Amino acid sequence: MEDNMAVNRKGTSTKVASLAADTLFKPGSSQIARKLAGSALSQSKTNRQTGAKMEDLASKVLRSDRYSEKTKTLAASVLSQSNKKR
């Protein structure tokens, strides 16, 4: 049985979901931005949590100076929805 304290019930906000959708449809979006956008959208209005690989990617994006503020916003949203035990 899953420990309720480890479950993260946060979801993607409407603003971030809109940014994620725009990122997916924008031809110039990077592969990393698209991955983060897909993850953020998949967690919109669901109880899904971020997987370990996406947590790692989002963490690396946030620590880097290479990525735009929009990509970092997506990364922060994805990371905030991670499993609390990890």
C-alpha atoms as a PDB file:
ATOM      1  CA  MET A   1       0.000   0.000   0.000  1.00  0.00           C
ATOM      2  CA  GLU A   2       1.264   3.454  -0.885  1.00  0.00           C
ATOM      3  CA  ASP A   3       2.298   5.816   1.898  1.00  0.00           C
ATOM      4  CA  ASN A   4      -0.010   8.853   1.660  1.00  0.00           C
ATOM      5  CA  MET A   5       2.745  11.130   2.936  1.00  0.00           C
ATOM      6  CA  ALA A   6       4.834  10.276  -0.162  1.00  0.00           C
ATOM      7  CA  VAL A   7       2.111  11.094  -2.664  1.00  0.00           C
ATOM      8  CA  ASN A   8       2.421  14.507  -4.240  1.00  0.00           C
ATOM      9  CA  ARG A   9      -1.005  15.818  -5.205  1.00  0.00           C
ATOM     10  CA  LYS A  10       0.202  18.909  -7.050  1.00  0.00           C
ATOM     11  CA  GLY A  11      -0.872  19.348 -10.656  1.00  0.00           C
ATOM     12  CA  THR A  12       0.091  21.520 -13.578  1.00  0.00           C
ATOM     13  CA  SER A  13      -1.490  24.971 -13.416  1.00  0.00           C
ATOM     14  CA  THR A  14      -3.533  26.327 -16.321  1.00  0.00           C
ATOM     15  CA  LYS A  15      -0.811  28.886 -17.043  1.00  0.00           C
ATOM     16  CA  VAL A  16       1.940  26.261 -17.213  1.00  0.00           C
ATOM     17  CA  ALA A  17      -0.295  23.903 -19.222  1.00  0.00           C
ATOM     18  CA  SER A  18      -0.804  26.696 -21.756  1.00  0.00           C
ATOM     19  CA  LEU A  19       2.954  27.312 -21.907  1.00  0.00           C
ATOM     20  CA  ALA A  20       3.506  23.567 -22.358  1.00  0.00           C
ATOM     21  CA  ALA A  21       1.013  23.387 -25.221  1.00  0.00           C
ATOM     22  CA  ASP A  22       2.617  26.396 -26.915  1.00  0.00           C
ATOM     23  CA  THR A  23       6.045  24.776 -26.507  1.00  0.00           C
ATOM     24  CA  LEU A  24       4.893  21.546 -28.123  1.00  0.00           C
ATOM     25  CA  PHE A  25       3.429  23.358 -31.137  1.00  0.00           C
ATOM     26  CA  LYS A  26       6.248  25.870 -31.607  1.00  0.00           C
ATOM     27  CA  PRO A  27       8.552  24.587 -34.379  1.00  0.00           C
ATOM     28  CA  GLY A  28      11.723  26.015 -32.793  1.00  0.00           C
ATOM     29  CA  SER A  29      11.289  24.410 -29.365  1.00  0.00           C
ATOM     30  CA  SER A  30      14.204  22.303 -28.170  1.00  0.00           C
ATOM     31  CA  GLN A  31      13.856  18.579 -27.577  1.00  0.00           C
ATOM     32  CA  ILE A  32      14.374  19.107 -23.846  1.00  0.00           C
ATOM     33  CA  ALA A  33      11.682  21.803 -23.697  1.00  0.00           C
ATOM     34  CA  ARG A  34       9.314  19.465 -25.547  1.00  0.00           C
ATOM     35  CA  LYS A  35      10.021  16.603 -23.123  1.00  0.00           C
ATOM     36  CA  LEU A  36       9.323  18.857 -20.147  1.00  0.00           C
ATOM     37  CA  ALA A  37       6.203  20.248 -21.813  1.00  0.00           C
ATOM     38  CA  GLY A  38       4.876  16.754 -22.485  1.00  0.00           C
ATOM     39  CA  SER A  39       5.492  15.734 -18.899  1.00  0.00           C
ATOM     40  CA  ALA A  40       3.807  18.862 -17.546  1.00  0.00           C
ATOM     41  CA  LEU A  41       0.764  18.347 -19.787  1.00  0.00           C
ATOM     42  CA  SER A  42       0.474  14.683 -18.862  1.00  0.00           C
ATOM     43  CA  GLN A  43       0.164  15.758 -15.222  1.00  0.00           C
ATOM     44  CA  SER A  44      -2.513  18.363 -15.857  1.00  0.00           C
ATOM     45  CA  LYS A  45      -5.768  17.475 -14.100  1.00  0.00           C
ATOM     46  CA  THR A  46      -4.460  14.056 -13.033  1.00  0.00           C
ATOM     47  CA  ASN A  47      -2.789  12.522  -9.999  1.00  0.00           C
ATOM     48  CA  ARG A  48       0.259  11.480 -12.017  1.00  0.00           C
ATOM     49  CA  GLN A  49       3.697  12.156 -10.600  1.00  0.00           C
ATOM     50  CA  THR A  50       6.983  12.896 -12.312  1.00  0.00           C
ATOM     51  CA  GLY A  51       9.188   9.868 -12.969  1.00  0.00           C
ATOM     52  CA  ALA A  52      12.787   9.664 -11.786  1.00  0.00           C
ATOM     53  CA  LYS A  53      14.285  10.317 -15.247  1.00  0.00           C
ATOM     54  CA  MET A  54      12.205  13.448 -15.746  1.00  0.00           C
ATOM     55  CA  GLU A  55      13.089  14.619 -12.226  1.00  0.00           C
ATOM     56  CA  ASP A  56      16.759  14.318 -13.136  1.00  0.00           C
ATOM     57  CA  LEU A  57      16.295  16.185 -16.426  1.00  0.00           C
ATOM     58  CA  ALA A  58      14.265  18.963 -14.788  1.00  0.00           C
ATOM     59  CA  SER A  59      16.864  19.335 -12.047  1.00  0.00           C
ATOM     60  CA  LYS A  60      19.683  19.665 -14.590  1.00  0.00           C
ATOM     61  CA  VAL A  61      17.723  22.298 -16.537  1.00  0.00           C
ATOM     62  CA  LEU A  62      17.133  24.368 -13.411  1.00  0.00           C
ATOM     63  CA  ARG A  63      20.825  24.266 -12.483  1.00  0.00           C
ATOM     64  CA  SER A  64      22.014  25.272 -15.956  1.00  0.00           C
ATOM     65  CA  ASP A  65      22.418  28.723 -17.501  1.00  0.00           C
ATOM     66  CA  ARG A  66      21.760  27.345 -20.997  1.00  0.00           C
ATOM     67  CA  TYR A  67      17.956  27.254 -20.853  1.00  0.00           C
ATOM     68  CA  SER A  68      15.324  29.960 -21.241  1.00  0.00           C
ATOM     69  CA  GLU A  69      13.037  31.100 -18.450  1.00  0.00           C
ATOM     70  CA  LYS A  70      10.134  29.335 -20.180  1.00  0.00           C
ATOM     71  CA  THR A  71      12.004  26.030 -20.213  1.00  0.00           C
ATOM     72  CA  LYS A  72      12.943  26.543 -16.563  1.00  0.00           C
ATOM     73  CA  THR A  73       9.287  27.237 -15.722  1.00  0.00           C
ATOM     74  CA  LEU A  74       8.337  23.900 -17.271  1.00  0.00           C
ATOM     75  CA  ALA A  75      11.183  22.184 -15.402  1.00  0.00           C
ATOM     76  CA  ALA A  76      10.099  23.710 -12.088  1.00  0.00           C
ATOM     77  CA  SER A  77       6.522  22.567 -12.612  1.00  0.00           C
ATOM     78  CA  VAL A  78       7.611  19.034 -13.473  1.00  0.00           C
ATOM     79  CA  LEU A  79       9.967  18.886 -10.504  1.00  0.00           C
ATOM     80  CA  SER A  80       7.328  20.179  -8.091  1.00  0.00           C
ATOM     81  CA  GLN A  81       5.140  17.207  -9.027  1.00  0.00           C
ATOM     82  CA  SER A  82       7.751  14.593  -8.184  1.00  0.00           C
ATOM     83  CA  ASN A  83       7.415  11.787  -5.687  1.00  0.00           C
ATOM     84  CA  LYS A  84       8.165  13.144  -2.214  1.00  0.00           C
ATOM     85  CA  LYS A  85      10.158  10.045  -1.236  1.00  0.00           C
ATOM     86  CA  ARG A  86      12.769  10.595  -3.955  1.00  0.00           C
END
